[in-house]
Amino acid sequence: MPIAKREKHRLALRRAATSGNPRFFLGTDSAPHTVPAKETACGCAGIFTAPCALEIYAEVFEEEEALDRLEGFAALSGPGFYRVPVNDCRVTLRREPYPVPEHIGEDENAVIPFRAGETLRWRLMG
């Protein structure tokens, strides 16, 4: 995928994701590269979002006044596109503080999550 190089590109991606158009749907590419692999001259690309992806999406959809479209983006449009059944498991997001851990793992196995050390406004309840 191309990198959103300018603010206008980032904003266009936000508008597309939150538009409700079923052609846009969630697809995370969480990149859990360890600190030694990430922080080098030839560091690995990508960000590690697994611990907080849905919480971050909830923030974006809330900021775009599109929370009513989050379920379609996260759970319905992808299966519709691929013509597979919708997952019958459900999760709950609650609007309460969620502190993103500073790191996951220890020493050379540590991975730094995206937005490490920040407190998000949404929490995945399960």
N, C-alpha and C. Protein backbone atom coordinates (compact mmCIF):
# COMPACT_ATOMS: atom_id res chain seq x y z
N MET A 1 0.83 -1.18 0.00
CA MET A 1 0.00 0.00 0.00
C MET A 1 0.88 1.24 0.00
N PRO A 2 0.41 2.28 -0.63
CA PRO A 2 1.18 3.53 -0.57
C PRO A 2 1.08 4.15 0.82
N ILE A 3 2.07 4.91 1.16
CA ILE A 3 2.10 5.61 2.44
C ILE A 3 1.35 6.93 2.28
N ALA A 4 0.55 7.27 3.28
CA ALA A 4 -0.13 8.58 3.28
C ALA A 4 0.92 9.63 3.61
N LYS A 5 1.43 10.28 2.58
CA LYS A 5 2.57 11.18 2.76
C LYS A 5 2.18 12.56 3.28
N ARG A 6 1.00 12.99 2.98
CA ARG A 6 0.59 14.33 3.36
C ARG A 6 -0.68 14.26 4.21
N GLU A 7 -0.92 15.33 4.95
CA GLU A 7 -2.10 15.38 5.80
C GLU A 7 -3.38 15.21 4.99
N LYS A 8 -3.44 15.77 3.80
CA LYS A 8 -4.66 15.64 2.99
C LYS A 8 -4.91 14.17 2.64
N HIS A 9 -3.86 13.37 2.48
CA HIS A 9 -4.02 11.94 2.19
C HIS A 9 -4.54 11.20 3.42
N ARG A 10 -4.00 11.54 4.59
CA ARG A 10 -4.45 10.90 5.83
C ARG A 10 -5.92 11.21 6.07
N LEU A 11 -6.30 12.45 5.86
CA LEU A 11 -7.69 12.84 6.05
C LEU A 11 -8.62 12.17 5.04
N ALA A 12 -8.16 12.00 3.81
CA ALA A 12 -8.96 11.31 2.80
C ALA A 12 -9.18 9.85 3.20
N LEU A 13 -8.15 9.20 3.76
CA LEU A 13 -8.31 7.83 4.24
C LEU A 13 -9.31 7.74 5.38
N ARG A 14 -9.27 8.69 6.28
CA ARG A 14 -10.23 8.71 7.39
C ARG A 14 -11.66 8.86 6.85
N ARG A 15 -11.84 9.77 5.89
CA ARG A 15 -13.18 9.97 5.32
C ARG A 15 -13.67 8.71 4.62
N ALA A 16 -12.78 8.06 3.88
CA ALA A 16 -13.17 6.84 3.17
C ALA A 16 -13.55 5.75 4.16
N ALA A 17 -12.72 5.54 5.16
CA ALA A 17 -12.97 4.48 6.14
C ALA A 17 -14.28 4.69 6.88
N THR A 18 -14.60 5.92 7.20
CA THR A 18 -15.79 6.21 8.00
C THR A 18 -17.02 6.53 7.17
N SER A 19 -16.91 6.43 5.85
CA SER A 19 -18.00 6.84 4.95
C SER A 19 -19.21 5.92 4.98
N GLY A 20 -19.01 4.66 5.39
CA GLY A 20 -20.09 3.69 5.32
C GLY A 20 -20.10 2.95 4.00
N ASN A 21 -19.24 3.32 3.07
CA ASN A 21 -19.13 2.62 1.79
C ASN A 21 -18.58 1.22 2.06
N PRO A 22 -19.30 0.16 1.66
CA PRO A 22 -18.85 -1.21 1.96
C PRO A 22 -17.58 -1.63 1.22
N ARG A 23 -17.10 -0.80 0.30
CA ARG A 23 -15.84 -1.12 -0.37
C ARG A 23 -14.63 -0.89 0.54
N PHE A 24 -14.85 -0.18 1.63
CA PHE A 24 -13.79 0.07 2.60
C PHE A 24 -14.08 -0.73 3.86
N PHE A 25 -13.13 -1.53 4.29
CA PHE A 25 -13.34 -2.33 5.49
C PHE A 25 -12.02 -2.59 6.19
N LEU A 26 -12.15 -2.97 7.45
CA LEU A 26 -11.00 -3.15 8.32
C LEU A 26 -10.10 -4.27 7.82
N GLY A 27 -8.83 -3.99 7.86
CA GLY A 27 -7.81 -4.99 7.57
C GLY A 27 -6.55 -4.57 8.28
N THR A 28 -6.27 -5.15 9.42
CA THR A 28 -5.07 -4.76 10.16
C THR A 28 -3.88 -5.55 9.66
N ASP A 29 -2.74 -4.93 9.71
CA ASP A 29 -1.49 -5.58 9.36
C ASP A 29 -0.54 -5.29 10.51
N SER A 30 -0.88 -5.82 11.65
CA SER A 30 -0.09 -5.55 12.84
C SER A 30 1.30 -6.13 12.66
N ALA A 31 2.30 -5.33 12.96
CA ALA A 31 3.70 -5.72 12.71
C ALA A 31 4.46 -5.79 14.04
N PRO A 32 4.45 -6.94 14.69
CA PRO A 32 5.10 -7.07 16.00
C PRO A 32 6.61 -7.32 15.91
N HIS A 33 7.34 -6.35 15.37
CA HIS A 33 8.79 -6.48 15.30
C HIS A 33 9.39 -6.11 16.65
N THR A 34 10.33 -6.89 17.11
CA THR A 34 10.98 -6.61 18.38
C THR A 34 11.75 -5.30 18.31
N VAL A 35 12.02 -4.73 19.47
CA VAL A 35 12.74 -3.45 19.52
C VAL A 35 14.08 -3.51 18.78
N PRO A 36 14.91 -4.56 18.99
CA PRO A 36 16.19 -4.59 18.26
C PRO A 36 16.01 -4.64 16.74
N ALA A 37 14.96 -5.29 16.25
CA ALA A 37 14.72 -5.36 14.80
C ALA A 37 14.14 -4.05 14.27
N LYS A 38 13.40 -3.34 15.11
CA LYS A 38 12.72 -2.12 14.68
C LYS A 38 13.65 -0.90 14.72
N GLU A 39 14.47 -0.83 15.76
CA GLU A 39 15.29 0.36 15.97
C GLU A 39 16.71 0.14 15.46
N THR A 40 16.82 0.01 14.14
CA THR A 40 18.10 -0.16 13.48
C THR A 40 18.13 0.72 12.24
N ALA A 41 19.29 0.80 11.61
CA ALA A 41 19.41 1.59 10.38
C ALA A 41 18.51 1.03 9.29
N CYS A 42 18.28 -0.26 9.28
CA CYS A 42 17.41 -0.93 8.30
C CYS A 42 16.18 -1.49 9.02
N GLY A 43 15.56 -0.69 9.86
CA GLY A 43 14.44 -1.15 10.68
C GLY A 43 13.27 -1.67 9.86
N CYS A 44 12.50 -2.54 10.48
CA CYS A 44 11.31 -3.12 9.85
C CYS A 44 10.20 -2.07 9.76
N ALA A 45 9.47 -2.11 8.68
CA ALA A 45 8.34 -1.19 8.49
C ALA A 45 7.12 -1.72 9.24
N GLY A 46 6.15 -0.88 9.42
CA GLY A 46 4.89 -1.28 10.02
C GLY A 46 4.81 -0.88 11.48
N ILE A 47 3.59 -0.98 12.01
CA ILE A 47 3.35 -0.66 13.41
C ILE A 47 2.62 -1.82 14.06
N PHE A 48 2.78 -1.95 15.36
CA PHE A 48 2.16 -3.03 16.12
C PHE A 48 0.88 -2.50 16.76
N THR A 49 -0.26 -2.89 16.19
CA THR A 49 -1.55 -2.38 16.65
C THR A 49 -2.41 -3.42 17.34
N ALA A 50 -1.96 -4.67 17.40
CA ALA A 50 -2.80 -5.75 17.94
C ALA A 50 -3.41 -5.44 19.30
N PRO A 51 -2.68 -4.82 20.24
CA PRO A 51 -3.28 -4.59 21.55
C PRO A 51 -4.36 -3.51 21.58
N CYS A 52 -4.49 -2.72 20.49
CA CYS A 52 -5.40 -1.58 20.58
C CYS A 52 -6.04 -1.17 19.26
N ALA A 53 -6.06 -2.04 18.27
CA ALA A 53 -6.57 -1.64 16.95
C ALA A 53 -8.03 -1.20 17.00
N LEU A 54 -8.91 -2.00 17.57
CA LEU A 54 -10.32 -1.62 17.59
C LEU A 54 -10.55 -0.36 18.41
N GLU A 55 -9.79 -0.18 19.47
CA GLU A 55 -9.93 1.02 20.28
C GLU A 55 -9.54 2.26 19.48
N ILE A 56 -8.48 2.15 18.67
CA ILE A 56 -8.05 3.28 17.83
C ILE A 56 -9.09 3.55 16.75
N TYR A 57 -9.60 2.50 16.12
CA TYR A 57 -10.65 2.70 15.12
C TYR A 57 -11.86 3.39 15.75
N ALA A 58 -12.24 2.98 16.96
CA ALA A 58 -13.38 3.61 17.63
C ALA A 58 -13.14 5.10 17.82
N GLU A 59 -11.92 5.47 18.19
CA GLU A 59 -11.59 6.89 18.35
C GLU A 59 -11.77 7.64 17.03
N VAL A 60 -11.26 7.08 15.96
CA VAL A 60 -11.35 7.74 14.65
C VAL A 60 -12.82 7.88 14.24
N PHE A 61 -13.58 6.80 14.36
CA PHE A 61 -14.99 6.86 13.97
C PHE A 61 -15.76 7.85 14.84
N GLU A 62 -15.42 7.92 16.11
CA GLU A 62 -16.07 8.89 16.99
C GLU A 62 -15.71 10.31 16.55
N GLU A 63 -14.44 10.56 16.27
CA GLU A 63 -14.01 11.90 15.84
C GLU A 63 -14.67 12.31 14.53
N GLU A 64 -14.96 11.35 13.68
CA GLU A 64 -15.61 11.62 12.40
C GLU A 64 -17.14 11.56 12.50
N GLU A 65 -17.65 11.46 13.73
CA GLU A 65 -19.09 11.37 13.99
C GLU A 65 -19.73 10.24 13.18
N ALA A 66 -19.08 9.08 13.22
CA ALA A 66 -19.53 7.94 12.42
C ALA A 66 -19.52 6.64 13.22
N LEU A 67 -19.70 6.71 14.53
CA LEU A 67 -19.69 5.49 15.34
C LEU A 67 -20.72 4.47 14.85
N ASP A 68 -21.82 4.95 14.30
CA ASP A 68 -22.85 4.04 13.80
C ASP A 68 -22.37 3.24 12.59
N ARG A 69 -21.25 3.60 12.01
CA ARG A 69 -20.72 2.89 10.84
C ARG A 69 -19.54 1.97 11.20
N LEU A 70 -19.12 1.98 12.45
CA LEU A 70 -17.95 1.19 12.84
C LEU A 70 -18.19 -0.31 12.69
N GLU A 71 -19.35 -0.81 13.08
CA GLU A 71 -19.62 -2.25 12.96
C GLU A 71 -19.55 -2.70 11.50
N GLY A 72 -20.11 -1.92 10.59
CA GLY A 72 -20.04 -2.28 9.18
C GLY A 72 -18.60 -2.36 8.69
N PHE A 73 -17.82 -1.35 9.05
CA PHE A 73 -16.42 -1.30 8.65
C PHE A 73 -15.62 -2.45 9.26
N ALA A 74 -15.84 -2.73 10.54
CA ALA A 74 -15.03 -3.70 11.26
C ALA A 74 -15.50 -5.14 11.09
N ALA A 75 -16.79 -5.35 10.85
CA ALA A 75 -17.28 -6.73 10.93
C ALA A 75 -18.16 -7.20 9.77
N LEU A 76 -18.73 -6.28 9.00
CA LEU A 76 -19.71 -6.70 8.00
C LEU A 76 -19.24 -6.54 6.55
N SER A 77 -18.57 -5.45 6.24
CA SER A 77 -18.20 -5.18 4.85
C SER A 77 -17.16 -6.14 4.31
N GLY A 78 -16.20 -6.53 5.12
CA GLY A 78 -15.17 -7.49 4.68
C GLY A 78 -15.77 -8.83 4.29
N PRO A 79 -16.56 -9.45 5.17
CA PRO A 79 -17.20 -10.71 4.78
C PRO A 79 -18.11 -10.56 3.56
N GLY A 80 -18.78 -9.41 3.45
CA GLY A 80 -19.61 -9.18 2.27
C GLY A 80 -18.78 -9.15 1.00
N PHE A 81 -17.63 -8.48 1.05
CA PHE A 81 -16.75 -8.40 -0.11
C PHE A 81 -16.23 -9.78 -0.51
N TYR A 82 -15.82 -10.55 0.47
CA TYR A 82 -15.24 -11.88 0.20
C TYR A 82 -16.29 -12.99 0.10
N ARG A 83 -17.55 -12.61 0.32
CA ARG A 83 -18.66 -13.58 0.26
C ARG A 83 -18.44 -14.75 1.20
N VAL A 84 -18.12 -14.42 2.43
CA VAL A 84 -17.97 -15.41 3.49
C VAL A 84 -18.95 -15.05 4.60
N PRO A 85 -19.29 -16.00 5.44
CA PRO A 85 -20.24 -15.71 6.53
C PRO A 85 -19.67 -14.68 7.51
N VAL A 86 -20.57 -13.88 8.04
CA VAL A 86 -20.20 -12.94 9.08
C VAL A 86 -19.91 -13.73 10.34
N ASN A 87 -18.87 -13.35 11.05
CA ASN A 87 -18.51 -14.00 12.30
C ASN A 87 -19.65 -13.83 13.30
N ASP A 88 -20.05 -14.91 13.96
CA ASP A 88 -21.15 -14.79 14.91
C ASP A 88 -20.68 -14.44 16.31
N CYS A 89 -19.37 -14.32 16.52
CA CYS A 89 -18.85 -13.84 17.80
C CYS A 89 -18.96 -12.33 17.84
N ARG A 90 -19.13 -11.80 19.02
CA ARG A 90 -19.28 -10.35 19.17
C ARG A 90 -18.29 -9.84 20.19
N VAL A 91 -17.92 -8.58 20.04
CA VAL A 91 -17.09 -7.90 21.02
C VAL A 91 -17.82 -6.64 21.44
N THR A 92 -17.41 -6.09 22.56
CA THR A 92 -18.01 -4.87 23.07
C THR A 92 -16.91 -3.85 23.30
N LEU A 93 -17.12 -2.66 22.80
CA LEU A 93 -16.24 -1.53 23.09
C LEU A 93 -16.98 -0.63 24.06
N ARG A 94 -16.30 -0.22 25.10
CA ARG A 94 -16.90 0.67 26.09
C ARG A 94 -16.09 1.96 26.12
N ARG A 95 -16.79 3.07 26.23
CA ARG A 95 -16.08 4.35 26.29
C ARG A 95 -15.56 4.54 27.70
N GLU A 96 -14.34 4.05 27.90
CA GLU A 96 -13.63 4.23 29.16
C GLU A 96 -12.14 4.19 28.88
N PRO A 97 -11.33 4.81 29.71
CA PRO A 97 -9.89 4.91 29.42
C PRO A 97 -9.22 3.54 29.29
N TYR A 98 -8.34 3.46 28.31
CA TYR A 98 -7.54 2.25 28.12
C TYR A 98 -6.08 2.69 27.96
N PRO A 99 -5.24 2.43 28.96
CA PRO A 99 -3.83 2.78 28.83
C PRO A 99 -3.10 1.75 27.96
N VAL A 100 -2.51 2.20 26.87
CA VAL A 100 -1.76 1.30 25.99
C VAL A 100 -0.44 0.99 26.71
N PRO A 101 -0.09 -0.29 26.82
CA PRO A 101 1.16 -0.64 27.51
C PRO A 101 2.38 -0.04 26.84
N GLU A 102 3.39 0.28 27.63
CA GLU A 102 4.65 0.82 27.10
C GLU A 102 5.35 -0.20 26.21
N HIS A 103 5.23 -1.47 26.56
CA HIS A 103 5.83 -2.55 25.77
C HIS A 103 5.14 -3.86 26.13
N ILE A 104 5.30 -4.81 25.26
CA ILE A 104 4.81 -6.17 25.50
C ILE A 104 6.01 -7.08 25.34
N GLY A 105 6.25 -7.91 26.34
CA GLY A 105 7.45 -8.75 26.33
C GLY A 105 8.59 -8.04 27.04
N GLU A 106 9.70 -8.72 27.14
CA GLU A 106 10.84 -8.18 27.88
C GLU A 106 12.12 -8.24 27.06
N ASP A 107 13.03 -7.35 27.38
CA ASP A 107 14.39 -7.33 26.83
C ASP A 107 14.38 -7.39 25.31
N GLU A 108 15.13 -8.34 24.73
CA GLU A 108 15.24 -8.42 23.26
C GLU A 108 13.96 -8.93 22.60
N ASN A 109 13.01 -9.41 23.40
CA ASN A 109 11.73 -9.86 22.85
C ASN A 109 10.63 -8.81 22.99
N ALA A 110 10.97 -7.64 23.49
CA ALA A 110 9.96 -6.59 23.69
C ALA A 110 9.48 -6.03 22.36
N VAL A 111 8.19 -5.73 22.32
CA VAL A 111 7.56 -5.11 21.17
C VAL A 111 6.86 -3.85 21.69
N ILE A 112 7.01 -2.76 20.96
CA ILE A 112 6.41 -1.49 21.37
C ILE A 112 5.12 -1.28 20.57
N PRO A 113 3.97 -1.27 21.26
CA PRO A 113 2.71 -1.06 20.53
C PRO A 113 2.57 0.38 20.02
N PHE A 114 1.80 0.52 18.96
CA PHE A 114 1.44 1.85 18.46
C PHE A 114 0.74 2.60 19.58
N ARG A 115 1.10 3.85 19.77
CA ARG A 115 0.54 4.73 20.80
C ARG A 115 0.87 4.27 22.21
N ALA A 116 2.02 3.59 22.35
CA ALA A 116 2.49 3.12 23.65
C ALA A 116 2.53 4.26 24.66
N GLY A 117 2.03 3.96 25.86
CA GLY A 117 2.06 4.94 26.93
C GLY A 117 0.92 5.94 26.89
N GLU A 118 0.16 5.97 25.81
CA GLU A 118 -0.99 6.88 25.72
C GLU A 118 -2.22 6.22 26.32
N THR A 119 -3.20 7.02 26.66
CA THR A 119 -4.48 6.50 27.14
C THR A 119 -5.52 6.76 26.06
N LEU A 120 -6.11 5.68 25.56
CA LEU A 120 -7.16 5.78 24.55
C LEU A 120 -8.50 5.97 25.23
N ARG A 121 -9.49 6.44 24.49
CA ARG A 121 -10.82 6.72 25.05
C ARG A 121 -11.73 5.50 25.05
N TRP A 122 -11.35 4.44 24.35
CA TRP A 122 -12.20 3.25 24.24
C TRP A 122 -11.45 2.03 24.73
N ARG A 123 -12.20 1.05 25.24
CA ARG A 123 -11.62 -0.18 25.75
C ARG A 123 -12.42 -1.36 25.20
N LEU A 124 -11.71 -2.36 24.69
CA LEU A 124 -12.34 -3.60 24.24
C LEU A 124 -12.67 -4.44 25.45
N MET A 125 -13.93 -4.83 25.56
CA MET A 125 -14.38 -5.57 26.74
C MET A 125 -14.41 -7.09 26.48
N GLY A 126 -14.37 -7.50 25.24
CA GLY A 126 -14.38 -8.93 24.94
C GLY A 126 -15.55 -9.33 24.09
